[in-house]
Amino acid sequence: MAAPSKKPNPKGLPPQPAQSAYVVGNNTSKPESGAKVPCNFRVDPEFKKRLKVFSAAHDMDMVEVFEQAVSEFIDRKGGA
């Protein structure tokens, strides 16, 4: 009796180790200078709405508003 035939792998071949690609979450290499990296956390829906309205009213990205606010807070508290 013959063994059942194997189905071909639908995912293809695995990547070769010689390939170098930046992967999000790869903590073995430092990101380029000026590059943005993910910073994921949850906020209250009302806070997000206030941030979005404020940033739109001041023609800024929400990230710009958040970075500036946190930077000023850290400077005022005497932090890093």
N, C-alpha and C. Protein backbone atom coordinates (compact mmCIF):
# COMPACT_ATOMS: atom_id res chain seq x y z
N MET A 1 0.84 -1.17 0.00
CA MET A 1 0.00 0.00 0.00
C MET A 1 0.89 1.24 0.00
N ALA A 2 0.61 2.17 -0.86
CA ALA A 2 1.43 3.37 -1.01
C ALA A 2 1.07 4.42 0.05
N ALA A 3 2.06 5.18 0.45
CA ALA A 3 1.82 6.25 1.43
C ALA A 3 1.07 7.40 0.76
N PRO A 4 0.24 8.11 1.53
CA PRO A 4 -0.50 9.24 0.94
C PRO A 4 0.48 10.33 0.50
N SER A 5 0.11 10.99 -0.60
CA SER A 5 1.00 12.05 -1.10
C SER A 5 0.88 13.28 -0.22
N LYS A 6 1.98 14.02 -0.09
CA LYS A 6 1.99 15.24 0.73
C LYS A 6 1.50 16.41 -0.11
N LYS A 7 0.73 17.28 0.53
CA LYS A 7 0.26 18.49 -0.15
C LYS A 7 1.41 19.49 -0.20
N PRO A 8 1.50 20.27 -1.28
CA PRO A 8 2.56 21.28 -1.33
C PRO A 8 2.29 22.38 -0.29
N ASN A 9 3.36 22.96 0.21
CA ASN A 9 3.26 24.01 1.21
C ASN A 9 2.71 25.28 0.55
N PRO A 10 1.52 25.77 0.94
CA PRO A 10 0.93 26.94 0.29
C PRO A 10 1.65 28.24 0.65
N LYS A 11 2.49 28.23 1.66
CA LYS A 11 3.16 29.44 2.11
C LYS A 11 4.45 29.71 1.34
N GLY A 12 4.91 28.78 0.59
CA GLY A 12 6.15 28.98 -0.15
C GLY A 12 7.36 28.70 0.71
N LEU A 13 8.52 29.11 0.21
CA LEU A 13 9.77 28.86 0.91
C LEU A 13 9.96 29.88 2.03
N PRO A 14 10.62 29.49 3.11
CA PRO A 14 10.89 30.45 4.18
C PRO A 14 11.95 31.45 3.73
N PRO A 15 12.01 32.64 4.36
CA PRO A 15 13.00 33.62 3.96
C PRO A 15 14.41 33.14 4.25
N GLN A 16 15.34 33.55 3.42
CA GLN A 16 16.73 33.16 3.59
C GLN A 16 17.39 34.05 4.65
N PRO A 17 18.28 33.51 5.47
CA PRO A 17 18.92 34.30 6.52
C PRO A 17 19.75 35.47 5.99
N ALA A 18 20.18 35.43 4.73
CA ALA A 18 21.00 36.50 4.18
C ALA A 18 20.19 37.75 3.89
N GLN A 19 18.86 37.63 3.82
CA GLN A 19 18.03 38.79 3.55
C GLN A 19 18.03 39.71 4.76
N SER A 20 18.20 41.00 4.52
CA SER A 20 18.16 41.95 5.62
C SER A 20 17.01 42.91 5.37
N ALA A 21 16.00 42.84 6.22
CA ALA A 21 14.85 43.73 6.11
C ALA A 21 14.51 44.23 7.50
N TYR A 22 14.15 45.53 7.58
CA TYR A 22 13.77 46.08 8.88
C TYR A 22 12.41 45.54 9.25
N VAL A 23 12.31 44.95 10.41
CA VAL A 23 11.07 44.38 10.90
C VAL A 23 10.63 45.18 12.12
N VAL A 24 9.36 45.59 12.15
CA VAL A 24 8.84 46.29 13.32
C VAL A 24 8.94 45.37 14.52
N GLY A 25 9.48 45.85 15.60
CA GLY A 25 9.65 45.03 16.78
C GLY A 25 11.01 44.37 16.85
N ASN A 26 11.83 44.57 15.84
CA ASN A 26 13.17 44.01 15.86
C ASN A 26 14.03 44.87 16.77
N ASN A 27 14.36 44.38 17.93
CA ASN A 27 15.09 45.18 18.89
C ASN A 27 16.60 44.93 18.84
N THR A 28 17.08 44.33 17.76
CA THR A 28 18.51 44.08 17.66
C THR A 28 19.23 45.16 16.87
N SER A 29 18.48 46.07 16.24
CA SER A 29 19.13 47.15 15.52
C SER A 29 18.45 48.48 15.87
N LYS A 30 19.23 49.53 15.84
CA LYS A 30 18.73 50.85 16.18
C LYS A 30 18.06 51.47 14.96
N PRO A 31 16.87 52.09 15.14
CA PRO A 31 16.21 52.73 13.99
C PRO A 31 17.03 53.92 13.48
N GLU A 32 16.79 54.29 12.23
CA GLU A 32 17.49 55.43 11.64
C GLU A 32 17.16 56.69 12.43
N SER A 33 18.07 57.65 12.38
CA SER A 33 17.86 58.91 13.06
C SER A 33 16.66 59.63 12.44
N GLY A 34 15.75 60.10 13.27
CA GLY A 34 14.56 60.79 12.80
C GLY A 34 13.42 59.88 12.41
N ALA A 35 13.62 58.58 12.47
CA ALA A 35 12.56 57.63 12.11
C ALA A 35 11.53 57.57 13.23
N LYS A 36 10.30 57.31 12.87
CA LYS A 36 9.22 57.14 13.85
C LYS A 36 9.11 55.66 14.19
N VAL A 37 8.90 55.38 15.47
CA VAL A 37 8.72 54.00 15.92
C VAL A 37 7.36 53.89 16.62
N PRO A 38 6.77 52.70 16.66
CA PRO A 38 5.45 52.56 17.27
C PRO A 38 5.47 52.80 18.78
N CYS A 39 4.42 53.41 19.27
CA CYS A 39 4.21 53.62 20.71
C CYS A 39 2.73 53.42 20.94
N ASN A 40 2.34 52.24 21.32
CA ASN A 40 0.94 51.87 21.36
C ASN A 40 0.43 51.81 22.78
N PHE A 41 -0.61 52.58 23.08
CA PHE A 41 -1.28 52.52 24.37
C PHE A 41 -2.71 52.99 24.20
N ARG A 42 -3.54 52.73 25.19
CA ARG A 42 -4.96 53.06 25.11
C ARG A 42 -5.24 54.31 25.93
N VAL A 43 -6.19 55.11 25.42
CA VAL A 43 -6.64 56.31 26.12
C VAL A 43 -8.16 56.31 26.16
N ASP A 44 -8.70 57.13 27.03
CA ASP A 44 -10.14 57.31 27.15
C ASP A 44 -10.69 57.89 25.84
N PRO A 45 -11.84 57.44 25.37
CA PRO A 45 -12.40 57.97 24.12
C PRO A 45 -12.59 59.49 24.14
N GLU A 46 -12.98 60.04 25.28
CA GLU A 46 -13.16 61.49 25.38
C GLU A 46 -11.83 62.22 25.23
N PHE A 47 -10.75 61.66 25.79
CA PHE A 47 -9.42 62.25 25.64
C PHE A 47 -9.01 62.26 24.17
N LYS A 48 -9.23 61.14 23.50
CA LYS A 48 -8.88 61.06 22.08
C LYS A 48 -9.65 62.09 21.27
N LYS A 49 -10.93 62.26 21.58
CA LYS A 49 -11.75 63.24 20.87
C LYS A 49 -11.21 64.65 21.10
N ARG A 50 -10.87 64.98 22.35
CA ARG A 50 -10.31 66.31 22.67
C ARG A 50 -8.99 66.53 21.94
N LEU A 51 -8.14 65.50 21.90
CA LEU A 51 -6.86 65.59 21.22
C LEU A 51 -7.07 65.81 19.72
N LYS A 52 -8.01 65.09 19.14
CA LYS A 52 -8.29 65.20 17.71
C LYS A 52 -8.84 66.58 17.36
N VAL A 53 -9.77 67.08 18.16
CA VAL A 53 -10.36 68.40 17.92
C VAL A 53 -9.29 69.49 18.07
N PHE A 54 -8.47 69.40 19.13
CA PHE A 54 -7.42 70.39 19.35
C PHE A 54 -6.42 70.38 18.20
N SER A 55 -5.99 69.20 17.77
CA SER A 55 -5.00 69.12 16.70
C SER A 55 -5.56 69.65 15.39
N ALA A 56 -6.81 69.39 15.11
CA ALA A 56 -7.44 69.91 13.88
C ALA A 56 -7.57 71.43 13.94
N ALA A 57 -7.93 71.95 15.11
CA ALA A 57 -8.10 73.40 15.27
C ALA A 57 -6.77 74.14 15.13
N HIS A 58 -5.67 73.48 15.46
CA HIS A 58 -4.35 74.11 15.40
C HIS A 58 -3.54 73.64 14.20
N ASP A 59 -4.20 72.93 13.27
CA ASP A 59 -3.57 72.45 12.04
C ASP A 59 -2.29 71.65 12.33
N MET A 60 -2.41 70.70 13.26
CA MET A 60 -1.30 69.85 13.66
C MET A 60 -1.76 68.40 13.61
N ASP A 61 -0.80 67.49 13.49
CA ASP A 61 -1.10 66.06 13.64
C ASP A 61 -1.31 65.77 15.12
N MET A 62 -2.08 64.73 15.40
CA MET A 62 -2.28 64.33 16.80
C MET A 62 -0.95 63.93 17.42
N VAL A 63 -0.08 63.33 16.65
CA VAL A 63 1.24 62.92 17.16
C VAL A 63 2.06 64.15 17.54
N GLU A 64 2.02 65.20 16.71
CA GLU A 64 2.76 66.42 17.01
C GLU A 64 2.28 67.04 18.32
N VAL A 65 0.96 67.12 18.49
CA VAL A 65 0.40 67.68 19.73
C VAL A 65 0.84 66.85 20.92
N PHE A 66 0.73 65.54 20.79
CA PHE A 66 1.08 64.66 21.90
C PHE A 66 2.56 64.76 22.24
N GLU A 67 3.43 64.74 21.21
CA GLU A 67 4.88 64.84 21.46
C GLU A 67 5.23 66.15 22.15
N GLN A 68 4.66 67.25 21.67
CA GLN A 68 4.97 68.56 22.26
C GLN A 68 4.47 68.64 23.69
N ALA A 69 3.26 68.14 23.94
CA ALA A 69 2.71 68.18 25.29
C ALA A 69 3.53 67.34 26.26
N VAL A 70 3.90 66.14 25.86
CA VAL A 70 4.68 65.26 26.74
C VAL A 70 6.07 65.83 26.96
N SER A 71 6.66 66.39 25.91
CA SER A 71 7.99 66.98 26.03
C SER A 71 7.98 68.14 27.03
N GLU A 72 6.98 69.02 26.92
CA GLU A 72 6.88 70.15 27.86
C GLU A 72 6.63 69.66 29.28
N PHE A 73 5.82 68.61 29.44
CA PHE A 73 5.55 68.05 30.76
C PHE A 73 6.83 67.50 31.39
N ILE A 74 7.60 66.76 30.60
CA ILE A 74 8.85 66.19 31.09
C ILE A 74 9.84 67.28 31.46
N ASP A 75 9.95 68.31 30.60
CA ASP A 75 10.85 69.43 30.90
C ASP A 75 10.43 70.14 32.19
N ARG A 76 9.14 70.34 32.39
CA ARG A 76 8.65 71.02 33.58
C ARG A 76 8.90 70.20 34.84
N LYS A 77 8.81 68.88 34.71
CA LYS A 77 9.04 68.00 35.86
C LYS A 77 10.51 67.74 36.12
N GLY A 78 11.39 68.21 35.23
CA GLY A 78 12.82 68.01 35.41
C GLY A 78 13.28 66.61 35.08
N GLY A 79 12.62 65.97 34.16
CA GLY A 79 12.97 64.60 33.79
C GLY A 79 14.02 64.54 32.71
N ALA A 80 14.19 63.37 32.18
CA ALA A 80 15.17 63.07 31.16
C ALA A 80 15.00 64.03 30.03
